[in-house]
Amino acid sequence: MHGVTGLLESAALLVFAAFVLVTICARAGVPSIVGYIGTGVLIGPAGSGVLAQSEALTSIGELGVVFLLFALGLEFSFEKLASLRRHVFGIGAAQVVVTTLLVAIPAGLMYGLAPVPAILMGGAVAMSSTAMCLKVLVSVNALNTAPGRLAISVLLFQDLAAVALLLLHDATSGAAEGLGVATVIGGAAALVAALFVARGPLQTIAGWTAARGDPELAQLLALAIALGSAIAATAAGLSPALAAFAAGMIIGEGDARHVVEKEIRPFRDLFVGIFFIGIGTQMPLGIFSSTWPTVLVWLAILFMGKAVVVALLASWSGERGQAAWRAAIILGHGGEFSLMLISVSTASGLIPEGITGPLLLAIGISMLAGSLLVRYGAKD
């Protein structure tokens, strides 16, 4: 009974702290992600120490990652990618590749990392926060400005690249567990093929559910698709989040997209919030006094180095100078996929915690300041 009471007290404290900080962020025009991370920092081991990082919190947060990638897959229609192909697969692809290599090569040499862990570190730095940028750009009515369109195009490729990097992580960590890279990639291909086969029946069921107009049925369908694909992936030794992304992209091509997207959103927002609270509890604030020079170097790379890469690539592709630099300011921070890549790489043992600690701290700080930079860069 005492254990249950303690669990309820921790849950109540977590919800109350999150409500207060997210409310403050909403009033200040700051994305809710900042409030969730701040909640984890405030009540986690680095703050008051009331809430420790736990397996239960991690498991719930992983559900948020599944729902986040499922919802992300719903957004990736082939038509949307085609309309922005020059920016997405031109500037966006170049930004991810150049930033990743500029970080991975020196990091690999400095820390003695193997190529894949070094690439994962570089890829984490290359990512920006899609959720934060979208929310701020919408709030200041800047989605259709030149900097806004350019930033969104780059973010689209970053999200695609994040999925590829997660697959690379799974293949490498799977090989370390004896699964083999070919086995992991083959399993991924088989899972995508199975989802394509199931697409027709799922679309029929979703259409029938939408016609019924019963929100409870729609919620159950959305959860069944996202979690069912995740369970199938886990059974095949693959990432459940990647399977959810594939399921979302396949379902998102049909008429079922809107009913599924509408019903999955509340679950996604809640569980993703818990994921970021968990990230906040892992923020190693205690190492700042001993590693602050390294943290500052990572912050300079995130705020300035990545921005210079974006601006130069955009200018070389023919974008106006002002639009290129404002888009660079918008993208000059870390993102949710940055945190995700570093977290999973540390948890799987691919990158030592002593190496990832300063970078994780720098990414968190950059996200806290990022909303102000996005707002400034959105001005046209």
Protein backbone atom coordinates (compact mmCIF):
# COMPACT_ATOMS: atom_id res chain seq x y z
CA MET A 1 0.00 0.00 0.00
CA HIS A 2 2.85 2.34 0.82
CA GLY A 3 4.31 1.67 -2.62
CA VAL A 4 1.03 2.54 -4.30
CA THR A 5 0.71 5.68 -2.21
CA GLY A 6 4.23 6.77 -3.13
CA LEU A 7 3.52 6.13 -6.81
CA LEU A 8 0.33 8.20 -6.66
CA GLU A 9 2.15 11.02 -4.89
CA SER A 10 4.90 11.04 -7.52
CA ALA A 11 2.36 10.97 -10.34
CA ALA A 12 0.37 13.82 -8.77
CA LEU A 13 3.52 15.90 -8.31
CA LEU A 14 4.60 15.23 -11.89
CA VAL A 15 1.22 16.23 -13.33
CA PHE A 16 0.96 19.35 -11.14
CA ALA A 17 4.49 20.53 -11.93
CA ALA A 18 3.94 19.90 -15.65
CA PHE A 19 0.63 21.80 -15.57
CA VAL A 20 2.23 24.83 -13.88
CA LEU A 21 5.28 25.00 -16.15
CA VAL A 22 3.40 24.28 -19.39
CA THR A 23 0.85 26.95 -18.43
CA ILE A 24 3.67 29.44 -17.86
CA CYS A 25 5.15 28.51 -21.25
CA ALA A 26 1.76 28.95 -22.94
CA ARG A 27 1.33 32.42 -21.42
CA ALA A 28 4.86 33.35 -22.50
CA GLY A 29 4.37 31.99 -26.01
CA VAL A 30 6.99 29.29 -25.47
CA PRO A 31 6.39 25.76 -26.84
CA SER A 32 5.12 23.22 -24.32
CA ILE A 33 8.17 20.99 -24.92
CA VAL A 34 10.23 23.49 -22.94
CA GLY A 35 7.78 23.20 -20.04
CA TYR A 36 7.97 19.42 -20.04
CA ILE A 37 11.77 19.38 -20.10
CA GLY A 38 11.79 22.02 -17.35
CA THR A 39 9.45 19.84 -15.28
CA GLY A 40 11.86 16.93 -15.51
CA VAL A 41 14.79 19.14 -14.57
CA LEU A 42 12.91 20.75 -11.66
CA ILE A 43 11.67 17.59 -9.96
CA GLY A 44 14.34 15.19 -11.22
CA PRO A 45 17.68 14.18 -9.70
CA ALA A 46 19.38 17.34 -11.01
CA GLY A 47 16.75 19.56 -9.35
CA SER A 48 14.77 18.85 -6.21
CA GLY A 49 15.39 15.10 -6.47
CA VAL A 50 11.75 14.33 -5.70
CA LEU A 51 11.30 12.26 -8.87
CA ALA A 52 14.00 9.89 -10.05
CA GLN A 53 14.30 8.46 -13.56
CA SER A 54 12.39 5.15 -13.44
CA GLU A 55 11.65 2.23 -15.76
CA ALA A 56 7.93 3.05 -15.60
CA LEU A 57 8.53 6.64 -16.68
CA THR A 58 10.81 5.47 -19.48
CA SER A 59 8.28 2.90 -20.71
CA ILE A 60 5.46 5.44 -20.81
CA GLY A 61 7.73 7.89 -22.58
CA GLU A 62 8.59 5.25 -25.21
CA LEU A 63 4.88 5.03 -26.01
CA GLY A 64 5.05 8.76 -26.69
CA VAL A 65 7.88 8.17 -29.18
CA VAL A 66 5.75 5.52 -30.93
CA PHE A 67 2.79 7.91 -31.21
CA LEU A 68 5.06 10.80 -32.27
CA LEU A 69 6.54 8.86 -35.18
CA PHE A 70 3.13 7.46 -36.14
CA ALA A 71 1.73 10.99 -36.31
CA LEU A 72 4.85 12.10 -38.21
CA GLY A 73 4.25 9.35 -40.75
CA LEU A 74 0.69 10.62 -41.26
CA GLU A 75 2.12 14.00 -42.30
CA PHE A 76 4.44 12.59 -44.98
CA SER A 77 2.30 12.35 -48.11
CA PHE A 78 4.23 11.84 -51.33
CA GLU A 79 2.47 14.88 -52.83
CA LYS A 80 3.76 17.12 -50.04
CA LEU A 81 7.31 15.95 -50.54
CA ALA A 82 7.04 16.39 -54.33
CA SER A 83 5.85 20.00 -54.07
CA LEU A 84 8.89 20.99 -52.00
CA ARG A 85 11.36 18.55 -53.53
CA ARG A 86 13.99 21.16 -54.49
CA HIS A 87 14.29 22.52 -50.98
CA VAL A 88 13.63 19.24 -49.15
CA PHE A 89 15.99 17.01 -51.12
CA GLY A 90 18.37 19.81 -52.08
CA ILE A 91 19.04 22.18 -49.20
CA GLY A 92 17.58 19.84 -46.57
CA ALA A 93 19.62 16.82 -47.64
CA ALA A 94 22.80 18.88 -47.98
CA GLN A 95 22.33 20.44 -44.54
CA VAL A 96 21.94 17.08 -42.82
CA VAL A 97 24.86 15.46 -44.65
CA VAL A 98 27.27 18.40 -44.26
CA THR A 99 26.43 19.07 -40.59
CA THR A 100 26.61 15.37 -39.73
CA LEU A 101 30.04 14.94 -41.34
CA LEU A 102 31.45 18.18 -39.92
CA VAL A 103 30.60 16.92 -36.42
CA ALA A 104 31.10 13.16 -36.88
CA ILE A 105 34.67 13.28 -38.27
CA PRO A 106 36.27 15.39 -35.49
CA ALA A 107 34.11 13.74 -32.79
CA GLY A 108 35.16 10.30 -33.97
CA LEU A 109 38.82 11.27 -33.94
CA MET A 110 38.65 13.11 -30.62
CA TYR A 111 36.67 10.48 -28.69
CA GLY A 112 37.89 7.40 -30.56
CA LEU A 113 34.38 6.48 -31.72
CA ALA A 114 33.52 3.96 -34.39
CA PRO A 115 31.95 5.40 -37.57
CA VAL A 116 28.30 4.67 -36.70
CA PRO A 117 28.34 6.20 -33.18
CA ALA A 118 30.15 9.24 -34.60
CA ILE A 119 27.53 9.58 -37.34
CA LEU A 120 24.74 9.32 -34.75
CA MET A 121 26.34 12.17 -32.77
CA GLY A 122 26.65 14.27 -35.91
CA GLY A 123 23.09 13.44 -36.93
CA ALA A 124 21.81 14.53 -33.53
CA VAL A 125 23.48 17.92 -33.96
CA ALA A 126 22.01 18.22 -37.48
CA MET A 127 18.43 17.95 -36.18
CA SER A 128 16.22 20.89 -35.16
CA SER A 129 12.87 20.86 -33.37
CA THR A 130 10.01 20.43 -35.85
CA ALA A 131 7.42 20.72 -33.08
CA MET A 132 8.91 23.94 -31.74
CA CYS A 133 9.41 25.57 -35.14
CA LEU A 134 5.91 24.72 -36.37
CA LYS A 135 4.25 26.00 -33.23
CA VAL A 136 6.13 29.31 -33.18
CA LEU A 137 5.86 29.89 -36.95
CA VAL A 138 2.10 29.34 -36.82
CA SER A 139 1.72 31.65 -33.82
CA VAL A 140 3.44 34.53 -35.66
CA ASN A 141 1.77 33.73 -39.02
CA ALA A 142 5.13 33.08 -40.70
CA LEU A 143 4.61 29.67 -42.32
CA ASN A 144 4.21 31.21 -45.78
CA THR A 145 7.12 33.64 -45.54
CA ALA A 146 10.32 32.86 -47.43
CA PRO A 147 12.29 31.96 -44.26
CA GLY A 148 9.36 29.92 -42.97
CA ARG A 149 8.97 27.85 -46.15
CA LEU A 150 12.71 27.25 -46.36
CA ALA A 151 12.92 26.20 -42.69
CA ILE A 152 9.96 23.81 -43.01
CA SER A 153 11.51 22.19 -46.10
CA VAL A 154 14.76 21.54 -44.23
CA LEU A 155 12.83 20.24 -41.22
CA LEU A 156 10.97 17.79 -43.46
CA PHE A 157 14.23 16.20 -44.59
CA GLN A 158 15.60 16.27 -41.04
CA ASP A 159 12.59 14.24 -39.89
CA LEU A 160 13.14 11.73 -42.70
CA ALA A 161 16.84 11.58 -41.83
CA ALA A 162 16.02 11.04 -38.14
CA VAL A 163 14.04 7.93 -39.06
CA ALA A 164 16.99 6.67 -41.14
CA LEU A 165 19.40 7.37 -38.27
CA LEU A 166 17.18 5.49 -35.83
CA LEU A 167 17.18 2.55 -38.24
CA LEU A 168 20.99 2.78 -38.44
CA HIS A 169 21.11 2.72 -34.64
CA ASP A 170 18.83 -0.31 -34.47
CA ALA A 171 20.84 -2.16 -37.11
CA THR A 172 24.13 -1.46 -35.30
CA SER A 173 22.88 -2.23 -31.79
CA GLY A 174 21.12 -5.31 -33.19
CA ALA A 175 24.39 -6.48 -34.70
CA ALA A 176 26.00 -6.01 -31.31
CA GLU A 177 23.32 -8.34 -29.89
CA GLY A 178 23.98 -10.95 -32.59
CA LEU A 179 21.07 -10.09 -34.91
CA GLY A 180 23.16 -8.83 -37.84
CA VAL A 181 22.64 -5.71 -39.94
CA ALA A 182 21.19 -7.70 -42.85
CA THR A 183 18.66 -9.34 -40.53
CA VAL A 184 17.49 -5.99 -39.14
CA ILE A 185 17.22 -4.37 -42.59
CA GLY A 186 15.49 -7.46 -44.01
CA GLY A 187 13.03 -7.45 -41.14
CA ALA A 188 12.30 -3.77 -41.75
CA ALA A 189 11.63 -4.41 -45.44
CA ALA A 190 9.34 -7.34 -44.57
CA LEU A 191 7.43 -5.21 -42.08
CA VAL A 192 6.88 -2.41 -44.62
CA ALA A 193 5.71 -4.97 -47.19
CA ALA A 194 3.26 -6.42 -44.65
CA LEU A 195 1.91 -2.97 -43.91
CA PHE A 196 1.37 -2.31 -47.61
CA VAL A 197 -0.56 -5.58 -47.89
CA ALA A 198 -2.67 -4.58 -44.87
CA ARG A 199 -3.25 -1.09 -46.25
CA GLY A 200 -6.44 -1.94 -48.17
CA PRO A 201 -8.26 -3.65 -45.27
CA LEU A 202 -7.12 -0.94 -42.85
CA GLN A 203 -8.39 1.80 -45.16
CA THR A 204 -11.75 0.00 -45.43
CA ILE A 205 -12.04 -0.35 -41.66
CA ALA A 206 -11.01 3.28 -41.14
CA GLY A 207 -13.56 4.47 -43.72
CA TRP A 208 -16.30 2.49 -41.99
CA THR A 209 -15.21 3.91 -38.60
CA ALA A 210 -15.26 7.47 -39.95
CA ALA A 211 -18.76 6.94 -41.39
CA ARG A 212 -20.01 5.71 -38.02
CA GLY A 213 -18.97 9.01 -36.40
CA ASP A 214 -18.16 7.28 -33.11
CA PRO A 215 -15.06 8.93 -31.55
CA GLU A 216 -14.48 5.96 -29.24
CA LEU A 217 -14.20 3.56 -32.19
CA ALA A 218 -11.86 5.99 -33.97
CA GLN A 219 -9.63 6.21 -30.90
CA LEU A 220 -9.45 2.44 -30.60
CA LEU A 221 -8.62 2.10 -34.29
CA ALA A 222 -5.82 4.69 -34.12
CA LEU A 223 -4.31 3.02 -31.05
CA ALA A 224 -4.66 -0.45 -32.57
CA ILE A 225 -2.83 0.57 -35.76
CA ALA A 226 0.01 2.39 -33.98
CA LEU A 227 0.52 -0.15 -31.20
CA GLY A 228 -0.15 -3.19 -33.41
CA SER A 229 2.61 -2.22 -35.83
CA ALA A 230 4.91 -1.50 -32.87
CA ILE A 231 4.24 -4.96 -31.40
CA ALA A 232 4.91 -6.61 -34.75
CA ALA A 233 8.20 -4.72 -35.04
CA THR A 234 9.27 -5.70 -31.53
CA ALA A 235 8.56 -9.37 -32.32
CA ALA A 236 10.83 -9.03 -35.38
CA GLY A 237 13.59 -7.40 -33.32
CA LEU A 238 13.00 -3.94 -34.82
CA SER A 239 12.28 -0.50 -33.40
CA PRO A 240 8.57 -0.11 -32.55
CA ALA A 241 8.80 3.62 -33.26
CA LEU A 242 10.05 3.03 -36.80
CA ALA A 243 7.23 0.57 -37.47
CA ALA A 244 4.74 3.14 -36.23
CA PHE A 245 6.23 5.69 -38.65
CA ALA A 246 5.85 3.27 -41.57
CA ALA A 247 2.26 2.51 -40.56
CA GLY A 248 1.44 6.21 -40.29
CA MET A 249 2.92 7.00 -43.72
CA ILE A 250 1.00 4.16 -45.39
CA ILE A 251 -2.31 5.00 -43.69
CA GLY A 252 -1.73 8.72 -44.29
CA GLU A 253 -1.96 8.26 -48.06
CA GLY A 254 -5.68 7.41 -47.88
CA ASP A 255 -8.95 8.94 -46.72
CA ALA A 256 -8.48 7.44 -43.25
CA ARG A 257 -5.74 9.90 -42.40
CA HIS A 258 -7.86 12.64 -40.86
CA VAL A 259 -9.92 10.46 -38.53
CA VAL A 260 -6.82 8.60 -37.34
CA GLU A 261 -4.75 11.78 -36.95
CA LYS A 262 -7.47 13.52 -34.96
CA GLU A 263 -7.86 10.69 -32.49
CA ILE A 264 -4.17 9.90 -32.00
CA ARG A 265 -3.22 13.51 -31.21
CA PRO A 266 -4.30 13.61 -27.52
CA PHE A 267 -2.43 10.38 -26.76
CA ARG A 268 0.61 11.58 -28.70
CA ASP A 269 0.77 14.93 -26.90
CA LEU A 270 0.34 13.38 -23.44
CA PHE A 271 2.86 10.57 -23.83
CA VAL A 272 5.38 12.71 -25.73
CA GLY A 273 5.13 15.17 -22.83
CA ILE A 274 6.01 12.35 -20.44
CA PHE A 275 8.91 11.38 -22.74
CA PHE A 276 10.34 14.89 -22.48
CA ILE A 277 9.82 14.93 -18.73
CA GLY A 278 11.91 11.77 -18.67
CA ILE A 279 14.55 13.53 -20.79
CA GLY A 280 14.51 16.38 -18.29
CA THR A 281 15.20 13.99 -15.41
CA GLN A 282 18.27 12.80 -17.32
CA MET A 283 19.71 16.29 -17.83
CA PRO A 284 23.13 16.07 -16.15
CA LEU A 285 23.17 19.55 -14.67
CA GLY A 286 25.66 18.39 -12.07
CA ILE A 287 28.38 18.02 -14.67
CA PHE A 288 28.12 21.62 -15.89
CA SER A 289 30.68 22.97 -13.44
CA SER A 290 33.30 20.47 -14.64
CA THR A 291 32.37 20.29 -18.33
CA TRP A 292 31.14 23.82 -19.07
CA PRO A 293 33.82 24.47 -21.74
CA THR A 294 32.62 21.40 -23.68
CA VAL A 295 28.98 22.41 -23.19
CA LEU A 296 29.75 25.89 -24.55
CA VAL A 297 31.52 24.40 -27.58
CA TRP A 298 28.46 22.25 -28.35
CA LEU A 299 26.21 25.29 -27.92
CA ALA A 300 28.36 27.27 -30.36
CA ILE A 301 28.11 24.42 -32.87
CA LEU A 302 24.32 24.23 -32.45
CA PHE A 303 23.63 27.98 -32.49
CA MET A 304 26.27 29.19 -34.93
CA GLY A 305 27.93 26.33 -36.79
CA LYS A 306 24.69 24.76 -37.98
CA ALA A 307 23.23 28.17 -38.81
CA VAL A 308 26.23 29.03 -41.01
CA VAL A 309 25.86 25.71 -42.86
CA VAL A 310 22.15 26.36 -43.52
CA ALA A 311 22.71 29.95 -44.62
CA LEU A 312 25.56 29.12 -47.01
CA LEU A 313 23.74 26.18 -48.58
CA ALA A 314 20.55 28.24 -49.01
CA SER A 315 22.49 31.14 -50.57
CA TRP A 316 24.32 28.83 -52.97
CA SER A 317 20.99 27.38 -54.07
CA GLY A 318 19.72 30.83 -55.07
CA GLU A 319 17.76 31.95 -51.99
CA ARG A 320 17.83 35.64 -51.02
CA GLY A 321 20.46 36.47 -48.43
CA GLN A 322 18.03 37.71 -45.80
CA ALA A 323 15.71 34.72 -46.18
CA ALA A 324 18.67 32.33 -46.01
CA TRP A 325 20.04 33.82 -42.80
CA ARG A 326 16.64 34.06 -41.12
CA ALA A 327 15.95 30.41 -41.93
CA ALA A 328 19.38 29.62 -40.48
CA ILE A 329 18.45 31.41 -37.23
CA ILE A 330 15.18 29.46 -37.08
CA LEU A 331 17.03 26.14 -37.38
CA GLY A 332 19.96 27.00 -35.08
CA HIS A 333 19.07 24.76 -32.12
CA GLY A 334 18.71 21.10 -31.17
CA GLY A 335 15.44 19.19 -31.35
CA GLU A 336 13.37 16.33 -30.01
CA PHE A 337 15.06 13.89 -32.39
CA SER A 338 18.46 15.16 -31.21
CA LEU A 339 17.54 14.18 -27.67
CA MET A 340 16.06 10.90 -28.88
CA LEU A 341 19.16 9.87 -30.87
CA ILE A 342 21.53 10.71 -28.02
CA SER A 343 19.31 9.00 -25.44
CA VAL A 344 18.92 5.73 -27.35
CA SER A 345 22.61 5.69 -28.30
CA THR A 346 23.59 6.10 -24.66
CA ALA A 347 21.05 3.53 -23.44
CA SER A 348 22.28 0.93 -25.97
CA GLY A 349 25.91 1.55 -25.06
CA LEU A 350 26.96 2.71 -28.53
CA ILE A 351 28.19 6.03 -27.10
CA PRO A 352 29.55 6.32 -23.54
CA GLU A 353 27.55 8.46 -21.14
CA GLY A 354 30.61 10.57 -20.35
CA ILE A 355 30.69 11.71 -23.99
CA THR A 356 26.96 12.30 -24.43
CA GLY A 357 26.41 14.16 -21.15
CA PRO A 358 27.71 17.60 -22.25
CA LEU A 359 25.99 17.30 -25.65
CA LEU A 360 22.68 16.30 -24.06
CA LEU A 361 22.93 19.30 -21.73
CA ALA A 362 23.76 21.63 -24.63
CA ILE A 363 20.80 20.36 -26.68
CA GLY A 364 18.44 20.94 -23.77
CA ILE A 365 19.74 24.48 -23.26
CA SER A 366 19.47 25.21 -26.99
CA MET A 367 15.84 24.11 -26.99
CA LEU A 368 15.07 26.36 -24.02
CA ALA A 369 16.46 29.33 -25.96
CA GLY A 370 15.36 28.10 -29.37
CA SER A 371 11.80 29.42 -29.29
CA LEU A 372 13.07 32.98 -28.99
CA LEU A 373 15.43 32.46 -31.93
CA VAL A 374 12.64 30.95 -34.04
CA ARG A 375 10.42 33.93 -33.28
CA TYR A 376 13.18 36.38 -34.25
CA GLY A 377 14.14 34.52 -37.40
CA ALA A 378 10.50 34.30 -38.55
CA LYS A 379 10.32 38.03 -39.18
CA ASP A 380 10.36 38.67 -42.92
